[in-house]
Protein backbone atom coordinates (compact mmCIF):
# COMPACT_ATOMS: atom_id res chain seq x y z
CA UNK A 1 -4.11 4.23 -15.16
CA UNK A 2 -5.79 1.78 -17.54
CA UNK A 3 -5.46 4.18 -20.51
CA UNK A 4 -1.71 4.70 -20.07
CA UNK A 5 0.74 2.12 -21.34
CA UNK A 6 3.38 0.55 -19.13
CA UNK A 7 6.07 2.21 -21.24
CA UNK A 8 4.47 5.64 -20.75
CA UNK A 9 4.25 5.08 -16.97
CA UNK A 10 7.86 3.90 -16.93
CA UNK A 11 9.19 6.90 -18.86
CA UNK A 12 7.24 9.42 -16.76
CA UNK A 13 8.43 7.78 -13.55
CA UNK A 14 12.06 7.69 -14.75
CA UNK A 15 11.94 11.47 -15.24
CA UNK A 16 10.57 11.94 -11.71
CA UNK A 17 13.17 9.60 -10.24
CA UNK A 18 15.96 11.47 -12.04
CA UNK A 19 14.61 14.75 -10.67
CA UNK A 20 14.42 13.61 -7.05
CA UNK A 21 17.83 11.95 -7.31
CA UNK A 22 19.25 15.25 -8.59
CA UNK A 23 17.72 16.95 -5.53
CA UNK A 24 19.52 14.53 -3.21
CA UNK A 25 17.12 11.66 -2.67
CA UNK A 26 18.84 8.30 -2.25
CA UNK A 27 15.86 6.00 -1.74
CA UNK A 28 12.18 6.12 -2.56
CA UNK A 29 9.04 4.09 -1.94
CA UNK A 30 6.58 3.75 -4.80
CA UNK A 31 3.04 2.54 -4.08
CA UNK A 32 0.35 1.08 -6.26
CA UNK A 33 -3.22 1.73 -5.17
CA UNK A 34 -4.60 4.07 -7.76
CA UNK A 35 -5.99 1.57 -10.24
CA UNK A 36 -8.04 -0.54 -7.82
CA UNK A 37 -8.36 -3.45 -10.24
CA UNK A 38 -6.18 -6.52 -10.40
CA UNK A 39 -4.97 -5.55 -13.87
CA UNK A 40 -4.12 -1.95 -12.93
CA UNK A 41 -2.41 -2.89 -9.68
CA UNK A 42 -0.24 -5.50 -11.41
CA UNK A 43 0.53 -3.03 -14.19
CA UNK A 44 1.79 -0.43 -11.72
CA UNK A 45 3.81 -3.01 -9.82
CA UNK A 46 5.39 -4.33 -13.06
CA UNK A 47 6.47 -0.78 -13.88
CA UNK A 48 7.91 -0.35 -10.38
CA UNK A 49 9.88 -3.57 -10.83
CA UNK A 50 11.30 -2.25 -14.12
CA UNK A 51 12.23 1.00 -12.39
CA UNK A 52 14.03 -0.92 -9.63
CA UNK A 53 16.06 -2.74 -12.29
CA UNK A 54 16.80 0.40 -14.32
CA UNK A 55 17.38 3.28 -11.92
CA UNK A 56 20.30 3.80 -9.50
CA UNK A 57 18.03 4.92 -6.64
CA UNK A 58 17.07 2.36 -4.02
CA UNK A 59 13.39 1.71 -4.73
CA UNK A 60 10.94 -0.12 -2.48
CA UNK A 61 7.53 -1.13 -3.79
CA UNK A 62 4.32 -1.21 -1.81
CA UNK A 63 1.07 -2.89 -2.81
CA UNK A 64 -1.78 -0.59 -1.77
CA UNK A 65 -4.76 -2.27 -3.40
CA UNK A 66 -6.76 -1.37 -0.27
CA UNK A 67 -6.38 2.37 -0.82
CA UNK A 68 -10.03 3.08 -1.58
CA UNK A 69 -13.22 1.30 -2.56
CA UNK A 70 -13.79 1.36 -6.33
CA UNK A 71 -17.15 2.92 -7.31
CA UNK A 72 -18.48 -0.38 -8.64
CA UNK A 73 -17.93 -1.94 -5.18
CA UNK A 74 -19.43 0.88 -3.05
CA UNK A 75 -22.49 -1.24 -2.19
CA UNK A 76 -20.49 -4.46 -1.86
CA UNK A 77 -17.29 -3.56 -0.04
CA UNK A 78 -16.88 -7.08 1.38
CA UNK A 79 -16.51 -8.38 -2.18
CA UNK A 80 -13.71 -5.92 -2.84
CA UNK A 81 -11.90 -6.92 0.36
CA UNK A 82 -12.22 -10.56 -0.75
CA UNK A 83 -10.84 -9.61 -4.18
CA UNK A 84 -7.81 -7.96 -2.57
CA UNK A 85 -7.22 -10.97 -0.30
CA UNK A 86 -8.03 -13.85 -2.66
CA UNK A 87 -6.85 -12.54 -6.02
CA UNK A 88 -4.66 -9.46 -5.77
CA UNK A 89 -2.35 -10.47 -2.91
CA UNK A 90 -1.62 -13.97 -4.29
CA UNK A 91 -0.85 -12.54 -7.75
CA UNK A 92 1.33 -9.76 -6.36
CA UNK A 93 3.22 -12.31 -4.27
CA UNK A 94 3.50 -14.90 -7.06
CA UNK A 95 5.14 -12.34 -9.32
CA UNK A 96 7.26 -10.95 -6.44
CA UNK A 97 6.07 -7.43 -7.23
CA UNK A 98 5.99 -5.81 -3.79
CA UNK A 99 8.17 -5.42 -0.72
CA UNK A 100 5.31 -4.23 1.50
CA UNK A 101 1.54 -4.21 1.80
CA UNK A 102 -0.36 -1.10 2.90
CA UNK A 103 -4.00 -0.48 3.86
CA UNK A 104 -5.91 2.77 4.36
CA UNK A 105 -7.56 2.00 7.70
CA UNK A 106 -9.77 4.98 8.39
CA UNK A 107 -13.30 6.30 8.58
CA UNK A 108 -15.06 5.72 5.26
CA UNK A 109 -12.34 3.41 3.95
CA UNK A 110 -11.26 0.10 5.51
CA UNK A 111 -12.27 -0.96 9.02
CA UNK A 112 -9.95 -2.48 11.61
CA UNK A 113 -11.46 -5.90 10.89
CA UNK A 114 -10.97 -5.56 7.12
CA UNK A 115 -7.46 -4.21 7.63
CA UNK A 116 -6.65 -7.11 9.93
CA UNK A 117 -7.78 -9.62 7.28
CA UNK A 118 -5.82 -7.89 4.52
CA UNK A 119 -2.61 -7.53 6.53
CA UNK A 120 -2.88 -11.13 7.73
CA UNK A 121 -3.20 -12.33 4.12
CA UNK A 122 -0.23 -10.20 3.07
CA UNK A 123 1.86 -11.51 5.95
CA UNK A 124 1.18 -15.09 4.83
CA UNK A 125 2.82 -14.16 1.53
CA UNK A 126 5.81 -12.48 3.15
CA UNK A 127 4.66 -8.88 2.67
CA UNK A 128 5.52 -6.68 5.64
CA UNK A 129 2.75 -4.33 6.75
CA UNK A 130 2.63 -0.57 6.46
CA UNK A 131 -0.52 1.33 7.25
CA UNK A 132 -2.31 4.60 6.57
CA UNK A 133 -4.27 5.31 9.75
CA UNK A 134 -6.11 7.94 11.76
CA UNK A 135 -5.96 10.62 9.10
CA UNK A 136 -9.68 11.36 9.21
CA UNK A 137 -10.71 10.06 12.65
CA UNK A 138 -9.73 7.70 15.44
CA UNK A 139 -9.88 4.45 13.47
CA UNK A 140 -8.00 1.80 15.44
CA UNK A 141 -5.52 1.67 12.59
CA UNK A 142 -2.52 2.43 14.77
CA UNK A 143 -3.38 -0.50 17.03
CA UNK A 144 -3.79 -2.95 14.13
CA UNK A 145 -0.53 -1.66 12.64
CA UNK A 146 1.27 -2.37 15.91
CA UNK A 147 -0.38 -5.82 16.05
CA UNK A 148 1.17 -6.68 12.67
CA UNK A 149 4.54 -5.08 13.49
CA UNK A 150 4.03 -2.59 10.68
CA UNK A 151 7.16 -0.92 9.39
CA UNK A 152 5.27 2.37 9.64
CA UNK A 153 1.91 3.85 10.57
CA UNK A 154 1.38 7.02 8.57
CA UNK A 155 -0.74 10.18 8.78
CA UNK A 156 -1.88 9.95 12.44
CA UNK A 157 -3.72 13.28 12.58
CA UNK A 158 -5.98 11.71 15.22
CA UNK A 159 -3.62 10.34 17.85
CA UNK A 160 -4.54 10.25 21.51
CA UNK A 161 -3.43 8.59 24.70
CA UNK A 162 -4.53 5.07 23.64
CA UNK A 163 -2.66 5.36 20.35
CA UNK A 164 0.50 6.63 22.03
CA UNK A 165 0.33 3.72 24.50
CA UNK A 166 -0.02 1.27 21.59
CA UNK A 167 3.03 2.77 19.88
CA UNK A 168 5.19 2.73 23.01
CA UNK A 169 7.56 -0.19 22.95
CA UNK A 170 6.69 -1.10 19.36
CA UNK A 171 9.17 -1.03 16.53
């Protein structure tokens, strides 16, 4: 992501949006989360904002800075979580770049406790939660998503009785 210019990202995305619109899509969600640095995340979200202003499709943007742990933070994950909470979320919110915040709460990624902290910080800035959960194992992600009234909990390959009970009666 860091090697590609914003204009190149914008043009490539416009072509994809035109293609899916031609196929009948009326609305699309575009997520950040593949740069994993403040600069890359903001770059992607700036491009998404330009797309929203330029394309007839309804476009929703999601900040997914907690998609993975960057290699340079593998041994210091807590520092990356703090970076997401203390730097990324406030900047994303200050520039009004995202409609939603998403976290990958799963085995080997972000724990329930880390997800809770990240979603709580996002909520304070008006970002509604979405969550990737239980793709790789029973993670508790569904339950934390319900706690934060997440718009969606996605993947859910590992969903049992407790998870179904948590989802019952939720929105």
